[in-house]
């Protein structure tokens, strides 16, 4: 892991990356918001059209860093408590889809159209999920080069959220958290995963 040690703790920022928002993912969120009878689901082409309309309101941005156990900032060391036994490194990701989508959601909500409001929120939530998946794919490619694989992403709890954002210098991505613990933009979060040796791979 010498190559990875050289990069330990480097905070990377990426923004305006393309999100692969999936119709079936949007539908999954939509069904949680409003009742949809079997056979009455909107067609993929309809959802794809709606997703396309929302793209201009999405400003994805992410900050992420990978740490060895010894180089992990003090506020993040608590995350190692859930690490698999053979983990080599910890990656932490802060991701958002920006604030413009919030203004669009507020505008739609004022029309009183509950379906359109639910659909827009569902697209936003699926976009938010895909923002993490995008970064996870990048990390996954790096992990394979180090003969490792990533554990599933886990959400950083509210008790460690503020410290995690500070460690990642999240203000550089316009991600803020107030004294009451509310995070801005609304569709923003922090997740983490561990680098583990590939199965059947001796190191």
Foldseek 3Di string as FASTA:
>chain_A
DVVLQVQALPKDKDKPDDFPQAQVQLQVQLCVQDPDDPPRGDDRVVLVVVLVVCSVQWIKMKIKGKHAQVRDPPLCNVVCVPPDPAFGIKMKMKMFRADSLVVVLVVVVVVVPSSVSSSSVSSRQSRLVRSVVVVQVVVQVVLVVVQWGKDDKDFDDLVSFVVSCVSRVVVVVVWDADPVSQIPPNSITMIMITIGHDPPDDD
